């Protein structure tokens, strides 16, 4: 069901999805606000009110994404070469050897690392600037040392990228720019 809220004088559409979950959550992955609520959750307005600042921040990111310059010069083969180069650099520096390295279109993340040390990268990273591709590679390789997103993991990230929060914000901005450019990820296989 399509609903609307007004923030800073503008209308924001949102959808409600009910699931068998314990806790409500908000998502903005597609550029539209989604409230994922427990089946018996009675007051969706309260979750919106509670997270109004977060919603405003996401709307700002989406707005900035409209000014984003995507890299159209890199194809998927170029991306794979770049990623293998960065993996090689960080493998030597971190004294780590990842498992398999795979590539696919993903609609929820830039990359992943499984518990066997295999790395997967989103082929849509081809639109990113080099510095963000390198950062994503380091982030995923950091999971070879610490699997969870916990304090130890972020200490590893901070040691190499003290500006990681800024880079994460840039990745969010690019996420929405690429999402908009690639027809809303409709050709995704993930």
C-alpha atoms as a PDB file:
ATOM      1  CA  UNK A   1       0.000   0.000   0.000  1.00  0.00           C
ATOM      2  CA  UNK A   2       1.459   3.368  -1.070  1.00  0.00           C
ATOM      3  CA  UNK A   3       1.494   5.984   1.703  1.00  0.00           C
ATOM      4  CA  UNK A   4       2.914   9.507   1.996  1.00  0.00           C
ATOM      5  CA  UNK A   5       4.643  11.611   4.622  1.00  0.00           C
ATOM      6  CA  UNK A   6       5.712  15.227   4.410  1.00  0.00           C
ATOM      7  CA  UNK A   7       9.288  16.145   5.300  1.00  0.00           C
ATOM      8  CA  UNK A   8      10.678  19.665   4.989  1.00  0.00           C
ATOM      9  CA  UNK A   9       7.736  20.689   2.852  1.00  0.00           C
ATOM     10  CA  UNK A  10       8.189  17.791   0.422  1.00  0.00           C
ATOM     11  CA  UNK A  11       6.130  14.666  -0.075  1.00  0.00           C
ATOM     12  CA  UNK A  12       7.818  11.303   0.510  1.00  0.00           C
ATOM     13  CA  UNK A  13       6.077   8.145  -0.662  1.00  0.00           C
ATOM     14  CA  UNK A  14       6.590   4.961   1.277  1.00  0.00           C
ATOM     15  CA  UNK A  15       5.431   1.372   1.196  1.00  0.00           C
ATOM     16  CA  UNK A  16       4.664  -0.952   4.075  1.00  0.00           C
ATOM     17  CA  UNK A  17       5.639  -4.596   3.922  1.00  0.00           C
ATOM     18  CA  UNK A  18       4.493  -6.887   6.716  1.00  0.00           C
ATOM     19  CA  UNK A  19       6.550  -9.949   7.603  1.00  0.00           C
ATOM     20  CA  UNK A  20       6.967 -12.498  10.353  1.00  0.00           C
ATOM     21  CA  UNK A  21       9.685 -10.526  12.151  1.00  0.00           C
ATOM     22  CA  UNK A  22      10.130  -9.237  15.695  1.00  0.00           C
ATOM     23  CA  UNK A  23      11.390  -5.716  15.066  1.00  0.00           C
ATOM     24  CA  UNK A  24      10.404  -3.071  12.521  1.00  0.00           C
ATOM     25  CA  UNK A  25      13.007  -1.629  10.177  1.00  0.00           C
ATOM     26  CA  UNK A  26      13.320   0.961   7.449  1.00  0.00           C
ATOM     27  CA  UNK A  27      15.000   0.553   4.061  1.00  0.00           C
ATOM     28  CA  UNK A  28      15.870   2.983   1.327  1.00  0.00           C
ATOM     29  CA  UNK A  29      17.829   0.694  -1.030  1.00  0.00           C
ATOM     30  CA  UNK A  30      15.675   1.441  -4.068  1.00  0.00           C
ATOM     31  CA  UNK A  31      15.353   5.174  -3.498  1.00  0.00           C
ATOM     32  CA  UNK A  32      11.915   4.699  -1.992  1.00  0.00           C
ATOM     33  CA  UNK A  33      11.222   4.434   1.727  1.00  0.00           C
ATOM     34  CA  UNK A  34      10.098   0.947   2.743  1.00  0.00           C
ATOM     35  CA  UNK A  35       8.781   0.139   6.217  1.00  0.00           C
ATOM     36  CA  UNK A  36       9.232  -3.540   6.997  1.00  0.00           C
ATOM     37  CA  UNK A  37       6.962  -4.217   9.934  1.00  0.00           C
ATOM     38  CA  UNK A  38       5.953  -7.175  12.086  1.00  0.00           C
ATOM     39  CA  UNK A  39       2.555  -8.510  11.044  1.00  0.00           C
ATOM     40  CA  UNK A  40       0.753  -7.033  14.081  1.00  0.00           C
ATOM     41  CA  UNK A  41       2.585  -3.694  14.219  1.00  0.00           C
ATOM     42  CA  UNK A  42      -0.133  -1.071  14.710  1.00  0.00           C
ATOM     43  CA  UNK A  43       1.553   2.355  14.456  1.00  0.00           C
ATOM     44  CA  UNK A  44       3.838   2.769  11.432  1.00  0.00           C
ATOM     45  CA  UNK A  45       3.799   6.546  11.979  1.00  0.00           C
ATOM     46  CA  UNK A  46       5.759   6.064  15.214  1.00  0.00           C
ATOM     47  CA  UNK A  47       8.638   4.313  13.443  1.00  0.00           C
ATOM     48  CA  UNK A  48       8.747   7.125  10.885  1.00  0.00           C
ATOM     49  CA  UNK A  49       8.722   9.749  13.621  1.00  0.00           C
ATOM     50  CA  UNK A  50      11.431   7.937  15.593  1.00  0.00           C
ATOM     51  CA  UNK A  51      13.721   7.733  12.540  1.00  0.00           C
ATOM     52  CA  UNK A  52      12.917  11.053  10.901  1.00  0.00           C
ATOM     53  CA  UNK A  53      16.561  12.235  10.991  1.00  0.00           C
ATOM     54  CA  UNK A  54      17.719   8.999   9.334  1.00  0.00           C
ATOM     55  CA  UNK A  55      15.050   9.433   6.626  1.00  0.00           C
ATOM     56  CA  UNK A  56      16.142  13.038   6.027  1.00  0.00           C
ATOM     57  CA  UNK A  57      19.790  11.941   5.764  1.00  0.00           C
ATOM     58  CA  UNK A  58      18.889   9.278   3.189  1.00  0.00           C
ATOM     59  CA  UNK A  59      16.883  11.796   1.172  1.00  0.00           C
ATOM     60  CA  UNK A  60      19.963  14.067   1.107  1.00  0.00           C
ATOM     61  CA  UNK A  61      22.088  11.165  -0.168  1.00  0.00           C
ATOM     62  CA  UNK A  62      19.551  10.485  -2.920  1.00  0.00           C
ATOM     63  CA  UNK A  63      19.559  14.168  -3.854  1.00  0.00           C
ATOM     64  CA  UNK A  64      23.382  14.199  -4.040  1.00  0.00           C
ATOM     65  CA  UNK A  65      23.285  11.095  -6.230  1.00  0.00           C
ATOM     66  CA  UNK A  66      21.663  13.144  -8.982  1.00  0.00           C
ATOM     67  CA  UNK A  67      24.903  15.120  -9.302  1.00  0.00           C
ATOM     68  CA  UNK A  68      27.115  12.037  -9.279  1.00  0.00           C
ATOM     69  CA  UNK A  69      29.464  11.431 -12.214  1.00  0.00           C
ATOM     70  CA  UNK A  70      29.508   7.768 -13.164  1.00  0.00           C
ATOM     71  CA  UNK A  71      32.488   6.174 -14.912  1.00  0.00           C
ATOM     72  CA  UNK A  72      31.294   4.935 -18.306  1.00  0.00           C
ATOM     73  CA  UNK A  73      34.797   4.191 -19.596  1.00  0.00           C
ATOM     74  CA  UNK A  74      35.320   0.997 -17.596  1.00  0.00           C
ATOM     75  CA  UNK A  75      33.698  -2.246 -18.758  1.00  0.00           C
ATOM     76  CA  UNK A  76      33.312  -5.429 -16.709  1.00  0.00           C
ATOM     77  CA  UNK A  77      36.628  -6.865 -17.939  1.00  0.00           C
ATOM     78  CA  UNK A  78      38.426  -3.674 -16.921  1.00  0.00           C
ATOM     79  CA  UNK A  79      36.698  -3.862 -13.537  1.00  0.00           C
ATOM     80  CA  UNK A  80      37.832  -7.462 -13.030  1.00  0.00           C
ATOM     81  CA  UNK A  81      41.424  -6.501 -13.858  1.00  0.00           C
ATOM     82  CA  UNK A  82      41.265  -3.606 -11.399  1.00  0.00           C
ATOM     83  CA  UNK A  83      39.814  -5.780  -8.652  1.00  0.00           C
ATOM     84  CA  UNK A  84      42.377  -8.549  -9.171  1.00  0.00           C
ATOM     85  CA  UNK A  85      45.117  -5.884  -9.022  1.00  0.00           C
ATOM     86  CA  UNK A  86      43.779  -4.469  -5.743  1.00  0.00           C
ATOM     87  CA  UNK A  87      43.316  -7.969  -4.291  1.00  0.00           C
ATOM     88  CA  UNK A  88      46.933  -8.740  -5.171  1.00  0.00           C
ATOM     89  CA  UNK A  89      48.165  -5.532  -3.535  1.00  0.00           C
ATOM     90  CA  UNK A  90      46.201  -6.112  -0.337  1.00  0.00           C
ATOM     91  CA  UNK A  91      46.945  -9.855  -0.258  1.00  0.00           C
ATOM     92  CA  UNK A  92      50.625  -9.033  -0.049  1.00  0.00           C
ATOM     93  CA  UNK A  93      50.195  -6.121   2.354  1.00  0.00           C
ATOM     94  CA  UNK A  94      47.821  -8.009   4.698  1.00  0.00           C
ATOM     95  CA  UNK A  95      49.558 -11.374   4.223  1.00  0.00           C
ATOM     96  CA  UNK A  96      46.260 -12.976   3.228  1.00  0.00           C
ATOM     97  CA  UNK A  97      45.129 -15.213   0.408  1.00  0.00           C
ATOM     98  CA  UNK A  98      41.429 -15.085  -0.413  1.00  0.00           C
ATOM     99  CA  UNK A  99      39.550 -18.058  -1.822  1.00  0.00           C
ATOM    100  CA  UNK A 100      37.722 -17.709  -5.109  1.00  0.00           C
ATOM    101  CA  UNK A 101      36.958 -14.281  -6.526  1.00  0.00           C
ATOM    102  CA  UNK A 102      33.643 -14.025  -8.331  1.00  0.00           C
ATOM    103  CA  UNK A 103      31.662 -11.279 -10.012  1.00  0.00           C
ATOM    104  CA  UNK A 104      27.942 -10.765 -10.447  1.00  0.00           C
ATOM    105  CA  UNK A 105      25.283  -8.123 -10.472  1.00  0.00           C
ATOM    106  CA  UNK A 106      23.984  -7.540  -6.977  1.00  0.00           C
ATOM    107  CA  UNK A 107      21.083  -5.427  -5.855  1.00  0.00           C
ATOM    108  CA  UNK A 108      21.940  -5.082  -2.177  1.00  0.00           C
ATOM    109  CA  UNK A 109      25.703  -4.771  -1.756  1.00  0.00           C
ATOM    110  CA  UNK A 110      29.006  -3.894  -3.357  1.00  0.00           C
ATOM    111  CA  UNK A 111      30.714  -7.096  -2.330  1.00  0.00           C
ATOM    112  CA  UNK A 112      30.728  -9.974   0.082  1.00  0.00           C
ATOM    113  CA  UNK A 113      33.052 -12.413   1.802  1.00  0.00           C
ATOM    114  CA  UNK A 114      31.840 -15.839   2.859  1.00  0.00           C
ATOM    115  CA  UNK A 115      33.147 -17.946   5.726  1.00  0.00           C
ATOM    116  CA  UNK A 116      35.398 -19.877   3.327  1.00  0.00           C
ATOM    117  CA  UNK A 117      37.208 -16.686   2.317  1.00  0.00           C
ATOM    118  CA  UNK A 118      35.595 -16.400  -1.112  1.00  0.00           C
ATOM    119  CA  UNK A 119      35.041 -12.862  -2.329  1.00  0.00           C
ATOM    120  CA  UNK A 120      32.209 -11.665  -4.579  1.00  0.00           C
ATOM    121  CA  UNK A 121      32.058  -8.248  -6.171  1.00  0.00           C
ATOM    122  CA  UNK A 122      29.180  -6.386  -7.753  1.00  0.00           C
ATOM    123  CA  UNK A 123      29.860  -5.812 -11.462  1.00  0.00           C
ATOM    124  CA  UNK A 124      28.138  -2.444 -11.160  1.00  0.00           C
ATOM    125  CA  UNK A 125      31.275  -1.265  -9.386  1.00  0.00           C
ATOM    126  CA  UNK A 126      32.533  -0.504 -12.911  1.00  0.00           C
ATOM    127  CA  UNK A 127      30.798   2.872 -12.594  1.00  0.00           C
ATOM    128  CA  UNK A 128      32.729   3.812  -9.436  1.00  0.00           C
ATOM    129  CA  UNK A 129      35.919   5.848  -9.221  1.00  0.00           C
ATOM    130  CA  UNK A 130      39.099   3.819  -8.615  1.00  0.00           C
ATOM    131  CA  UNK A 131      39.454   4.937  -4.993  1.00  0.00           C
ATOM    132  CA  UNK A 132      36.027   3.487  -4.125  1.00  0.00           C
ATOM    133  CA  UNK A 133      36.731   0.202  -5.905  1.00  0.00           C
ATOM    134  CA  UNK A 134      39.991  -0.105  -3.995  1.00  0.00           C
ATOM    135  CA  UNK A 135      38.179   0.651  -0.740  1.00  0.00           C
ATOM    136  CA  UNK A 136      35.498  -2.004  -1.382  1.00  0.00           C
ATOM    137  CA  UNK A 137      38.217  -4.572  -2.102  1.00  0.00           C
ATOM    138  CA  UNK A 138      40.007  -3.696   1.147  1.00  0.00           C
ATOM    139  CA  UNK A 139      36.714  -3.813   3.060  1.00  0.00           C
ATOM    140  CA  UNK A 140      35.932  -7.322   1.809  1.00  0.00           C
ATOM    141  CA  UNK A 141      39.482  -8.511   2.441  1.00  0.00           C
ATOM    142  CA  UNK A 142      39.188  -7.106   5.953  1.00  0.00           C
ATOM    143  CA  UNK A 143      36.533  -9.760   6.495  1.00  0.00           C
ATOM    144  CA  UNK A 144      39.225 -12.396   6.008  1.00  0.00           C
ATOM    145  CA  UNK A 145      40.656 -11.120   9.307  1.00  0.00           C
ATOM    146  CA  UNK A 146      37.374 -10.332  11.082  1.00  0.00           C
ATOM    147  CA  UNK A 147      34.160 -11.724   9.665  1.00  0.00           C
ATOM    148  CA  UNK A 148      31.667  -9.532  11.564  1.00  0.00           C
ATOM    149  CA  UNK A 149      31.119  -5.790  11.291  1.00  0.00           C
ATOM    150  CA  UNK A 150      32.344  -5.189  14.820  1.00  0.00           C
ATOM    151  CA  UNK A 151      34.881  -2.958  16.568  1.00  0.00           C
ATOM    152  CA  UNK A 152      37.823  -5.160  15.542  1.00  0.00           C
ATOM    153  CA  UNK A 153      36.726  -5.044  11.916  1.00  0.00           C
ATOM    154  CA  UNK A 154      36.423  -1.259  11.884  1.00  0.00           C
ATOM    155  CA  UNK A 155      39.829  -0.953  13.563  1.00  0.00           C
ATOM    156  CA  UNK A 156      41.256  -2.883  10.590  1.00  0.00           C
ATOM    157  CA  UNK A 157      39.433  -0.599   8.143  1.00  0.00           C
ATOM    158  CA  UNK A 158      40.444   2.563  10.039  1.00  0.00           C
ATOM    159  CA  UNK A 159      44.131   1.584   9.981  1.00  0.00           C
ATOM    160  CA  UNK A 160      44.155   1.732   6.179  1.00  0.00           C
ATOM    161  CA  UNK A 161      41.282   4.154   5.567  1.00  0.00           C
ATOM    162  CA  UNK A 162      40.845   6.606   8.452  1.00  0.00           C
ATOM    163  CA  UNK A 163      38.282   8.405   6.264  1.00  0.00           C
ATOM    164  CA  UNK A 164      36.187   5.251   5.827  1.00  0.00           C
ATOM    165  CA  UNK A 165      32.964   6.932   6.965  1.00  0.00           C
ATOM    166  CA  UNK A 166      33.328   9.493   4.180  1.00  0.00           C
ATOM    167  CA  UNK A 167      33.983   6.681   1.698  1.00  0.00           C
ATOM    168  CA  UNK A 168      30.919   4.773   2.927  1.00  0.00           C
ATOM    169  CA  UNK A 169      28.838   7.908   2.354  1.00  0.00           C
ATOM    170  CA  UNK A 170      30.265   8.263  -1.169  1.00  0.00           C
ATOM    171  CA  UNK A 171      29.369   4.628  -1.842  1.00  0.00           C
ATOM    172  CA  UNK A 172      25.794   5.332  -0.718  1.00  0.00           C
ATOM    173  CA  UNK A 173      25.591   8.311  -3.057  1.00  0.00           C
ATOM    174  CA  UNK A 174      26.937   6.262  -5.966  1.00  0.00           C
ATOM    175  CA  UNK A 175      24.565   3.405  -5.069  1.00  0.00           C
ATOM    176  CA  UNK A 176      21.519   5.549  -5.805  1.00  0.00           C
ATOM    177  CA  UNK A 177      23.129   7.103  -8.902  1.00  0.00           C
ATOM    178  CA  UNK A 178      23.885   3.666 -10.347  1.00  0.00           C
ATOM    179  CA  UNK A 179      20.478   2.353  -9.304  1.00  0.00           C
ATOM    180  CA  UNK A 180      18.839   5.176 -11.217  1.00  0.00           C
ATOM    181  CA  UNK A 181      21.104   4.713 -14.257  1.00  0.00           C
ATOM    182  CA  UNK A 182      20.721   0.932 -14.526  1.00  0.00           C
ATOM    183  CA  UNK A 183      16.934   0.898 -14.701  1.00  0.00           C
ATOM    184  CA  UNK A 184      16.426   0.205 -11.008  1.00  0.00           C
ATOM    185  CA  UNK A 185      18.530  -2.990 -10.993  1.00  0.00           C
ATOM    186  CA  UNK A 186      15.779  -4.906 -12.792  1.00  0.00           C
ATOM    187  CA  UNK A 187      18.405  -7.024 -14.505  1.00  0.00           C
ATOM    188  CA  UNK A 188      19.788  -8.237 -11.159  1.00  0.00           C
ATOM    189  CA  UNK A 189      20.420 -11.830 -10.346  1.00  0.00           C
ATOM    190  CA  UNK A 190      20.780 -11.237  -6.600  1.00  0.00           C
END
